[in-house]
Amino acid sequence: MGIISWIVLGLIAGAIAKWIMPGRDPGGIVVTIVIGIVGAIIGGAIVGALGGPGVSGVNVASVIVSVIGAVILLVIYRLVAGSRGYSGGRRR
């Protein structure tokens, strides 16, 4: 897949992951895209290790796999950001 495909897939996966797990996260759209792209890689690796097709382009199966990875990554990201005392953008 080309870089444009990864960005598009990341945007889609990140947006769907944020829709599944709404909440305040630092970083905005850039972090959403990065979480989606890295989530696609993580999801592809997990599904590939289990014998599935992984991420093979911008298609429905790849979006589903990417969203699963993005949700996993978003949970980890929130746990790490939460442990650092993130207060929704307000410094105290």
PDB file of N, CA and C in Angstrom:
ATOM      1  N   MET A   1       0.835  -1.183   0.000  1.00  0.00           N
ATOM      2  CA  MET A   1       0.000   0.000   0.000  1.00  0.00           C
ATOM      3  C   MET A   1       0.876   1.242   0.000  1.00  0.00           C
ATOM      4  N   GLY A   2       0.422   2.264  -0.697  1.00  0.00           N
ATOM      5  CA  GLY A   2       1.155   3.517  -0.742  1.00  0.00           C
ATOM      6  C   GLY A   2       0.863   4.384   0.471  1.00  0.00           C
ATOM      7  N   ILE A   3       1.630   5.439   0.628  1.00  0.00           N
ATOM      8  CA  ILE A   3       1.490   6.321   1.778  1.00  0.00           C
ATOM      9  C   ILE A   3       0.122   6.985   1.821  1.00  0.00           C
ATOM     10  N   ILE A   4      -0.421   7.341   0.669  1.00  0.00           N
ATOM     11  CA  ILE A   4      -1.747   7.960   0.624  1.00  0.00           C
ATOM     12  C   ILE A   4      -2.803   6.969   1.105  1.00  0.00           C
ATOM     13  N   SER A   5      -2.675   5.705   0.711  1.00  0.00           N
ATOM     14  CA  SER A   5      -3.619   4.680   1.161  1.00  0.00           C
ATOM     15  C   SER A   5      -3.548   4.501   2.673  1.00  0.00           C
ATOM     16  N   TRP A   6      -2.325   4.495   3.232  1.00  0.00           N
ATOM     17  CA  TRP A   6      -2.179   4.361   4.690  1.00  0.00           C
ATOM     18  C   TRP A   6      -2.807   5.554   5.406  1.00  0.00           C
ATOM     19  N   ILE A   7      -2.638   6.770   4.872  1.00  0.00           N
ATOM     20  CA  ILE A   7      -3.220   7.958   5.492  1.00  0.00           C
ATOM     21  C   ILE A   7      -4.745   7.899   5.439  1.00  0.00           C
ATOM     22  N   VAL A   8      -5.292   7.531   4.283  1.00  0.00           N
ATOM     23  CA  VAL A   8      -6.745   7.427   4.141  1.00  0.00           C
ATOM     24  C   VAL A   8      -7.284   6.342   5.076  1.00  0.00           C
ATOM     25  N   LEU A   9      -6.648   5.177   5.071  1.00  0.00           N
ATOM     26  CA  LEU A   9      -7.081   4.087   5.942  1.00  0.00           C
ATOM     27  C   LEU A   9      -6.944   4.499   7.409  1.00  0.00           C
ATOM     28  N   GLY A  10      -5.871   5.192   7.761  1.00  0.00           N
ATOM     29  CA  GLY A  10      -5.669   5.668   9.124  1.00  0.00           C
ATOM     30  C   GLY A  10      -6.729   6.661   9.554  1.00  0.00           C
ATOM     31  N   LEU A  11      -7.073   7.571   8.651  1.00  0.00           N
ATOM     32  CA  LEU A  11      -8.117   8.544   8.948  1.00  0.00           C
ATOM     33  C   LEU A  11      -9.449   7.852   9.189  1.00  0.00           C
ATOM     34  N   ILE A  12      -9.793   6.917   8.324  1.00  0.00           N
ATOM     35  CA  ILE A  12     -11.049   6.171   8.466  1.00  0.00           C
ATOM     36  C   ILE A  12     -11.052   5.372   9.763  1.00  0.00           C
ATOM     37  N   ALA A  13      -9.994   4.604   9.997  1.00  0.00           N
ATOM     38  CA  ALA A  13      -9.919   3.763  11.193  1.00  0.00           C
ATOM     39  C   ALA A  13      -9.888   4.603  12.462  1.00  0.00           C
ATOM     40  N   GLY A  14      -9.116   5.685  12.459  1.00  0.00           N
ATOM     41  CA  GLY A  14      -9.048   6.559  13.623  1.00  0.00           C
ATOM     42  C   GLY A  14     -10.386   7.214  13.934  1.00  0.00           C
ATOM     43  N   ALA A  15     -11.078   7.678  12.900  1.00  0.00           N
ATOM     44  CA  ALA A  15     -12.381   8.313  13.098  1.00  0.00           C
ATOM     45  C   ALA A  15     -13.405   7.321  13.636  1.00  0.00           C
ATOM     46  N   ILE A  16     -13.410   6.109  13.098  1.00  0.00           N
ATOM     47  CA  ILE A  16     -14.350   5.089  13.581  1.00  0.00           C
ATOM     48  C   ILE A  16     -14.006   4.690  15.012  1.00  0.00           C
ATOM     49  N   ALA A  17     -12.715   4.562  15.326  1.00  0.00           N
ATOM     50  CA  ALA A  17     -12.305   4.229  16.693  1.00  0.00           C
ATOM     51  C   ALA A  17     -12.743   5.317  17.666  1.00  0.00           C
ATOM     52  N   LYS A  18     -12.603   6.587  17.284  1.00  0.00           N
ATOM     53  CA  LYS A  18     -13.057   7.689  18.134  1.00  0.00           C
ATOM     54  C   LYS A  18     -14.577   7.688  18.274  1.00  0.00           C
ATOM     55  N   TRP A  19     -15.291   7.261  17.245  1.00  0.00           N
ATOM     56  CA  TRP A  19     -16.748   7.170  17.309  1.00  0.00           C
ATOM     57  C   TRP A  19     -17.154   6.046  18.260  1.00  0.00           C
ATOM     58  N   ILE A  20     -16.424   4.924  18.218  1.00  0.00           N
ATOM     59  CA  ILE A  20     -16.709   3.790  19.102  1.00  0.00           C
ATOM     60  C   ILE A  20     -16.375   4.151  20.551  1.00  0.00           C
ATOM     61  N   MET A  21     -15.273   4.886  20.736  1.00  0.00           N
ATOM     62  CA  MET A  21     -14.811   5.258  22.076  1.00  0.00           C
ATOM     63  C   MET A  21     -14.725   6.776  22.189  1.00  0.00           C
ATOM     64  N   PRO A  22     -15.877   7.455  22.313  1.00  0.00           N
ATOM     65  CA  PRO A  22     -15.826   8.919  22.384  1.00  0.00           C
ATOM     66  C   PRO A  22     -15.154   9.382  23.678  1.00  0.00           C
ATOM     67  N   GLY A  23     -14.622  10.555  23.640  1.00  0.00           N
ATOM     68  CA  GLY A  23     -13.975  11.129  24.817  1.00  0.00           C
ATOM     69  C   GLY A  23     -12.964  12.163  24.395  1.00  0.00           C
ATOM     70  N   ARG A  24     -12.425  12.838  25.387  1.00  0.00           N
ATOM     71  CA  ARG A  24     -11.448  13.902  25.112  1.00  0.00           C
ATOM     72  C   ARG A  24     -10.058  13.316  25.089  1.00  0.00           C
ATOM     73  N   ASP A  25      -9.370  13.548  24.003  1.00  0.00           N
ATOM     74  CA  ASP A  25      -7.988  13.112  23.850  1.00  0.00           C
ATOM     75  C   ASP A  25      -7.165  14.287  23.346  1.00  0.00           C
ATOM     76  N   PRO A  26      -5.931  14.411  23.803  1.00  0.00           N
ATOM     77  CA  PRO A  26      -5.088  15.483  23.290  1.00  0.00           C
ATOM     78  C   PRO A  26      -4.624  15.186  21.863  1.00  0.00           C
ATOM     79  N   GLY A  27      -4.414  16.213  21.069  1.00  0.00           N
ATOM     80  CA  GLY A  27      -3.801  16.019  19.764  1.00  0.00           C
ATOM     81  C   GLY A  27      -4.700  16.255  18.582  1.00  0.00           C
ATOM     82  N   GLY A  28      -5.999  16.128  18.707  1.00  0.00           N
ATOM     83  CA  GLY A  28      -6.904  16.396  17.608  1.00  0.00           C
ATOM     84  C   GLY A  28      -6.788  15.427  16.447  1.00  0.00           C
ATOM     85  N   ILE A  29      -6.987  15.939  15.237  1.00  0.00           N
ATOM     86  CA  ILE A  29      -7.059  15.120  14.029  1.00  0.00           C
ATOM     87  C   ILE A  29      -5.733  14.439  13.712  1.00  0.00           C
ATOM     88  N   VAL A  30      -4.625  15.089  14.015  1.00  0.00           N
ATOM     89  CA  VAL A  30      -3.311  14.495  13.725  1.00  0.00           C
ATOM     90  C   VAL A  30      -3.121  13.223  14.539  1.00  0.00           C
ATOM     91  N   VAL A  31      -3.436  13.281  15.833  1.00  0.00           N
ATOM     92  CA  VAL A  31      -3.306  12.099  16.684  1.00  0.00           C
ATOM     93  C   VAL A  31      -4.298  11.026  16.243  1.00  0.00           C
ATOM     94  N   THR A  32      -5.490  11.434  15.823  1.00  0.00           N
ATOM     95  CA  THR A  32      -6.482  10.468  15.331  1.00  0.00           C
ATOM     96  C   THR A  32      -5.948   9.713  14.119  1.00  0.00           C
ATOM     97  N   ILE A  33      -5.321  10.420  13.183  1.00  0.00           N
ATOM     98  CA  ILE A  33      -4.757   9.767  12.000  1.00  0.00           C
ATOM     99  C   ILE A  33      -3.605   8.846  12.391  1.00  0.00           C
ATOM    100  N   VAL A  34      -2.729   9.333  13.269  1.00  0.00           N
ATOM    101  CA  VAL A  34      -1.588   8.503  13.693  1.00  0.00           C
ATOM    102  C   VAL A  34      -2.075   7.253  14.418  1.00  0.00           C
ATOM    103  N   ILE A  35      -3.057   7.405  15.309  1.00  0.00           N
ATOM    104  CA  ILE A  35      -3.613   6.234  16.005  1.00  0.00           C
ATOM    105  C   ILE A  35      -4.230   5.278  14.994  1.00  0.00           C
ATOM    106  N   GLY A  36      -4.902   5.804  13.987  1.00  0.00           N
ATOM    107  CA  GLY A  36      -5.491   4.943  12.951  1.00  0.00           C
ATOM    108  C   GLY A  36      -4.440   4.194  12.148  1.00  0.00           C
ATOM    109  N   ILE A  37      -3.368   4.877  11.748  1.00  0.00           N
ATOM    110  CA  ILE A  37      -2.311   4.234  10.953  1.00  0.00           C
ATOM    111  C   ILE A  37      -1.585   3.179  11.782  1.00  0.00           C
ATOM    112  N   VAL A  38      -1.187   3.553  12.994  1.00  0.00           N
ATOM    113  CA  VAL A  38      -0.505   2.577  13.851  1.00  0.00           C
ATOM    114  C   VAL A  38      -1.467   1.457  14.238  1.00  0.00           C
ATOM    115  N   GLY A  39      -2.729   1.801  14.428  1.00  0.00           N
ATOM    116  CA  GLY A  39      -3.749   0.780  14.707  1.00  0.00           C
ATOM    117  C   GLY A  39      -3.906  -0.199  13.554  1.00  0.00           C
ATOM    118  N   ALA A  40      -3.803   0.304  12.329  1.00  0.00           N
ATOM    119  CA  ALA A  40      -3.864  -0.579  11.162  1.00  0.00           C
ATOM    120  C   ALA A  40      -2.698  -1.560  11.176  1.00  0.00           C
ATOM    121  N   ILE A  41      -1.528  -1.064  11.534  1.00  0.00           N
ATOM    122  CA  ILE A  41      -0.356  -1.942  11.600  1.00  0.00           C
ATOM    123  C   ILE A  41      -0.529  -2.971  12.714  1.00  0.00           C
ATOM    124  N   ILE A  42      -0.962  -2.517  13.889  1.00  0.00           N
ATOM    125  CA  ILE A  42      -1.177  -3.434  15.016  1.00  0.00           C
ATOM    126  C   ILE A  42      -2.270  -4.444  14.692  1.00  0.00           C
ATOM    127  N   GLY A  43      -3.398  -3.958  14.186  1.00  0.00           N
ATOM    128  CA  GLY A  43      -4.503  -4.856  13.832  1.00  0.00           C
ATOM    129  C   GLY A  43      -4.099  -5.853  12.767  1.00  0.00           C
ATOM    130  N   GLY A  44      -3.370  -5.389  11.762  1.00  0.00           N
ATOM    131  CA  GLY A  44      -2.888  -6.281  10.707  1.00  0.00           C
ATOM    132  C   GLY A  44      -1.953  -7.346  11.244  1.00  0.00           C
ATOM    133  N   ALA A  45      -1.082  -6.944  12.181  1.00  0.00           N
ATOM    134  CA  ALA A  45      -0.150  -7.910  12.771  1.00  0.00           C
ATOM    135  C   ALA A  45      -0.885  -8.951  13.609  1.00  0.00           C
ATOM    136  N   ILE A  46      -1.861  -8.495  14.400  1.00  0.00           N
ATOM    137  CA  ILE A  46      -2.622  -9.427  15.243  1.00  0.00           C
ATOM    138  C   ILE A  46      -3.421 -10.401  14.394  1.00  0.00           C
ATOM    139  N   VAL A  47      -4.169  -9.874  13.426  1.00  0.00           N
ATOM    140  CA  VAL A  47      -4.990 -10.736  12.580  1.00  0.00           C
ATOM    141  C   VAL A  47      -4.115 -11.641  11.718  1.00  0.00           C
ATOM    142  N   GLY A  48      -2.999 -11.118  11.221  1.00  0.00           N
ATOM    143  CA  GLY A  48      -2.069 -11.930  10.445  1.00  0.00           C
ATOM    144  C   GLY A  48      -1.478 -13.065  11.270  1.00  0.00           C
ATOM    145  N   ALA A  49      -1.170 -12.780  12.549  1.00  0.00           N
ATOM    146  CA  ALA A  49      -0.624 -13.820  13.433  1.00  0.00           C
ATOM    147  C   ALA A  49      -1.654 -14.901  13.727  1.00  0.00           C
ATOM    148  N   LEU A  50      -2.927 -14.539  13.673  1.00  0.00           N
ATOM    149  CA  LEU A  50      -3.993 -15.514  13.913  1.00  0.00           C
ATOM    150  C   LEU A  50      -4.406 -16.247  12.639  1.00  0.00           C
ATOM    151  N   GLY A  51      -3.722 -15.954  11.538  1.00  0.00           N
ATOM    152  CA  GLY A  51      -3.990 -16.642  10.285  1.00  0.00           C
ATOM    153  C   GLY A  51      -4.942 -15.921   9.352  1.00  0.00           C
ATOM    154  N   GLY A  52      -5.320 -14.690   9.700  1.00  0.00           N
ATOM    155  CA  GLY A  52      -6.230 -13.918   8.864  1.00  0.00           C
ATOM    156  C   GLY A  52      -5.495 -13.171   7.770  1.00  0.00           C
ATOM    157  N   PRO A  53      -6.225 -12.393   6.970  1.00  0.00           N
ATOM    158  CA  PRO A  53      -5.617 -11.703   5.838  1.00  0.00           C
ATOM    159  C   PRO A  53      -4.807 -10.461   6.190  1.00  0.00           C
ATOM    160  N   GLY A  54      -5.009  -9.881   7.355  1.00  0.00           N
ATOM    161  CA  GLY A  54      -4.284  -8.657   7.707  1.00  0.00           C
ATOM    162  C   GLY A  54      -4.820  -7.464   6.947  1.00  0.00           C
ATOM    163  N   VAL A  55      -3.974  -6.483   6.689  1.00  0.00           N
ATOM    164  CA  VAL A  55      -4.368  -5.272   5.975  1.00  0.00           C
ATOM    165  C   VAL A  55      -3.801  -5.355   4.568  1.00  0.00           C
ATOM    166  N   SER A  56      -4.708  -5.334   3.566  1.00  0.00           N
ATOM    167  CA  SER A  56      -4.262  -5.537   2.189  1.00  0.00           C
ATOM    168  C   SER A  56      -4.654  -4.411   1.248  1.00  0.00           C
ATOM    169  N   GLY A  57      -5.125  -3.318   1.763  1.00  0.00           N
ATOM    170  CA  GLY A  57      -5.537  -2.199   0.930  1.00  0.00           C
ATOM    171  C   GLY A  57      -6.711  -1.497   1.583  1.00  0.00           C
ATOM    172  N   VAL A  58      -7.274  -0.523   0.916  1.00  0.00           N
ATOM    173  CA  VAL A  58      -8.428   0.177   1.461  1.00  0.00           C
ATOM    174  C   VAL A  58      -9.677  -0.569   1.012  1.00  0.00           C
ATOM    175  N   ASN A  59     -10.110  -1.507   1.856  1.00  0.00           N
ATOM    176  CA  ASN A  59     -11.328  -2.268   1.615  1.00  0.00           C
ATOM    177  C   ASN A  59     -11.996  -2.532   2.958  1.00  0.00           C
ATOM    178  N   VAL A  60     -13.172  -3.134   2.948  1.00  0.00           N
ATOM    179  CA  VAL A  60     -13.952  -3.317   4.170  1.00  0.00           C
ATOM    180  C   VAL A  60     -13.201  -4.162   5.194  1.00  0.00           C
ATOM    181  N   ALA A  61     -12.606  -5.260   4.776  1.00  0.00           N
ATOM    182  CA  ALA A  61     -11.882  -6.131   5.707  1.00  0.00           C
ATOM    183  C   ALA A  61     -10.711  -5.394   6.342  1.00  0.00           C
ATOM    184  N   SER A  62      -9.980  -4.639   5.562  1.00  0.00           N
ATOM    185  CA  SER A  62      -8.843  -3.888   6.089  1.00  0.00           C
ATOM    186  C   SER A  62      -9.291  -2.792   7.058  1.00  0.00           C
ATOM    187  N   VAL A  63     -10.410  -2.148   6.761  1.00  0.00           N
ATOM    188  CA  VAL A  63     -10.931  -1.120   7.663  1.00  0.00           C
ATOM    189  C   VAL A  63     -11.327  -1.749   8.998  1.00  0.00           C
ATOM    190  N   ILE A  64     -11.980  -2.900   8.959  1.00  0.00           N
ATOM    191  CA  ILE A  64     -12.382  -3.583  10.195  1.00  0.00           C
ATOM    192  C   ILE A  64     -11.158  -3.955  11.022  1.00  0.00           C
ATOM    193  N   VAL A  65     -10.159  -4.546  10.381  1.00  0.00           N
ATOM    194  CA  VAL A  65      -8.924  -4.927  11.070  1.00  0.00           C
ATOM    195  C   VAL A  65      -8.236  -3.684  11.632  1.00  0.00           C
ATOM    196  N   SER A  66      -8.204  -2.617  10.866  1.00  0.00           N
ATOM    197  CA  SER A  66      -7.561  -1.380  11.299  1.00  0.00           C
ATOM    198  C   SER A  66      -8.295  -0.744  12.477  1.00  0.00           C
ATOM    199  N   VAL A  67      -9.611  -0.783  12.437  1.00  0.00           N
ATOM    200  CA  VAL A  67     -10.402  -0.224  13.535  1.00  0.00           C
ATOM    201  C   VAL A  67     -10.156  -1.008  14.815  1.00  0.00           C
ATOM    202  N   ILE A  68     -10.083  -2.325  14.722  1.00  0.00           N
ATOM    203  CA  ILE A  68      -9.785  -3.143  15.904  1.00  0.00           C
ATOM    204  C   ILE A  68      -8.434  -2.733  16.490  1.00  0.00           C
ATOM    205  N   GLY A  69      -7.433  -2.615  15.649  1.00  0.00           N
ATOM    206  CA  GLY A  69      -6.121  -2.177  16.113  1.00  0.00           C
ATOM    207  C   GLY A  69      -6.147  -0.770  16.676  1.00  0.00           C
ATOM    208  N   ALA A  70      -6.901   0.139  16.039  1.00  0.00           N
ATOM    209  CA  ALA A  70      -6.975   1.522  16.504  1.00  0.00           C
ATOM    210  C   ALA A  70      -7.678   1.619  17.857  1.00  0.00           C
ATOM    211  N   VAL A  71      -8.719   0.806  18.062  1.00  0.00           N
ATOM    212  CA  VAL A  71      -9.408   0.803  19.357  1.00  0.00           C
ATOM    213  C   VAL A  71      -8.464   0.300  20.451  1.00  0.00           C
ATOM    214  N   ILE A  72      -7.721  -0.773  20.159  1.00  0.00           N
ATOM    215  CA  ILE A  72      -6.742  -1.294  21.125  1.00  0.00           C
ATOM    216  C   ILE A  72      -5.718  -0.208  21.456  1.00  0.00           C
ATOM    217  N   LEU A  73      -5.209   0.450  20.430  1.00  0.00           N
ATOM    218  CA  LEU A  73      -4.216   1.501  20.637  1.00  0.00           C
ATOM    219  C   LEU A  73      -4.810   2.686  21.386  1.00  0.00           C
ATOM    220  N   LEU A  74      -6.055   3.045  21.103  1.00  0.00           N
ATOM    221  CA  LEU A  74      -6.701   4.163  21.784  1.00  0.00           C
ATOM    222  C   LEU A  74      -6.884   3.868  23.269  1.00  0.00           C
ATOM    223  N   VAL A  75      -7.224   2.635  23.606  1.00  0.00           N
ATOM    224  CA  VAL A  75      -7.340   2.247  25.013  1.00  0.00           C
ATOM    225  C   VAL A  75      -5.985   2.405  25.715  1.00  0.00           C
ATOM    226  N   ILE A  76      -4.936   1.902  25.069  1.00  0.00           N
ATOM    227  CA  ILE A  76      -3.587   2.020  25.646  1.00  0.00           C
ATOM    228  C   ILE A  76      -3.187   3.491  25.769  1.00  0.00           C
ATOM    229  N   TYR A  77      -3.458   4.270  24.734  1.00  0.00           N
ATOM    230  CA  TYR A  77      -3.126   5.699  24.729  1.00  0.00           C
ATOM    231  C   TYR A  77      -3.819   6.427  25.873  1.00  0.00           C
ATOM    232  N   ARG A  78      -5.107   6.131  26.082  1.00  0.00           N
ATOM    233  CA  ARG A  78      -5.844   6.780  27.166  1.00  0.00           C
ATOM    234  C   ARG A  78      -5.332   6.354  28.532  1.00  0.00           C
ATOM    235  N   LEU A  79      -4.948   5.097  28.662  1.00  0.00           N
ATOM    236  CA  LEU A  79      -4.382   4.646  29.935  1.00  0.00           C
ATOM    237  C   LEU A  79      -3.081   5.379  30.236  1.00  0.00           C
ATOM    238  N   VAL A  80      -2.224   5.520  29.227  1.00  0.00           N
ATOM    239  CA  VAL A  80      -0.945   6.214  29.417  1.00  0.00           C
ATOM    240  C   VAL A  80      -1.176   7.700  29.661  1.00  0.00           C
ATOM    241  N   ALA A  81      -2.032   8.322  28.849  1.00  0.00           N
ATOM    242  CA  ALA A  81      -2.315   9.751  29.014  1.00  0.00           C
ATOM    243  C   ALA A  81      -3.004  10.005  30.354  1.00  0.00           C
ATOM    244  N   GLY A  82      -3.865   9.102  30.778  1.00  0.00           N
ATOM    245  CA  GLY A  82      -4.553   9.243  32.058  1.00  0.00           C
ATOM    246  C   GLY A  82      -3.613   9.113  33.231  1.00  0.00           C
ATOM    247  N   SER A  83      -2.623   8.252  33.118  1.00  0.00           N
ATOM    248  CA  SER A  83      -1.675   8.076  34.214  1.00  0.00           C
ATOM    249  C   SER A  83      -0.719   9.256  34.339  1.00  0.00           C
ATOM    250  N   ARG A  84      -0.634  10.059  33.297  1.00  0.00           N
ATOM    251  CA  ARG A  84       0.218  11.258  33.336  1.00  0.00           C
ATOM    252  C   ARG A  84      -0.540  12.472  33.841  1.00  0.00           C
ATOM    253  N   GLY A  85      -1.801  12.272  34.203  1.00  0.00           N
ATOM    254  CA  GLY A  85      -2.571  13.374  34.767  1.00  0.00           C
ATOM    255  C   GLY A  85      -3.205  14.284  33.748  1.00  0.00           C
ATOM    256  N   TYR A  86      -3.545  13.763  32.557  1.00  0.00           N
ATOM    257  CA  TYR A  86      -4.200  14.578  31.532  1.00  0.00           C
ATOM    258  C   TYR A  86      -5.562  15.008  32.038  1.00  0.00           C
ATOM    259  N   SER A  87      -5.847  16.302  31.968  1.00  0.00           N
ATOM    260  CA  SER A  87      -7.100  16.835  32.513  1.00  0.00           C
ATOM    261  C   SER A  87      -7.960  17.482  31.432  1.00  0.00           C
ATOM    262  N   GLY A  88      -7.936  16.969  30.242  1.00  0.00           N
ATOM    263  CA  GLY A  88      -8.786  17.484  29.174  1.00  0.00           C
ATOM    264  C   GLY A  88      -8.307  18.790  28.583  1.00  0.00           C
ATOM    265  N   GLY A  89      -7.023  19.077  28.637  1.00  0.00           N
ATOM    266  CA  GLY A  89      -6.486  20.259  28.006  1.00  0.00           C
ATOM    267  C   GLY A  89      -6.273  21.434  28.952  1.00  0.00           C
ATOM    268  N   ARG A  90      -6.761  21.345  30.169  1.00  0.00           N
ATOM    269  CA  ARG A  90      -6.591  22.431  31.129  1.00  0.00           C
ATOM    270  C   ARG A  90      -5.441  22.097  32.074  1.00  0.00           C
ATOM    271  N   ARG A  91      -4.493  22.981  32.128  1.00  0.00           N
ATOM    272  CA  ARG A  91      -3.371  22.780  33.065  1.00  0.00           C
ATOM    273  C   ARG A  91      -3.717  23.442  34.376  1.00  0.00           C
ATOM    274  N   ARG A  92      -3.384  22.774  35.462  1.00  0.00           N
ATOM    275  CA  ARG A  92      -3.695  23.318  36.786  1.00  0.00           C
ATOM    276  C   ARG A  92      -2.460  23.432  37.597  1.00  0.00           C
TER     277      ARG A  92
END
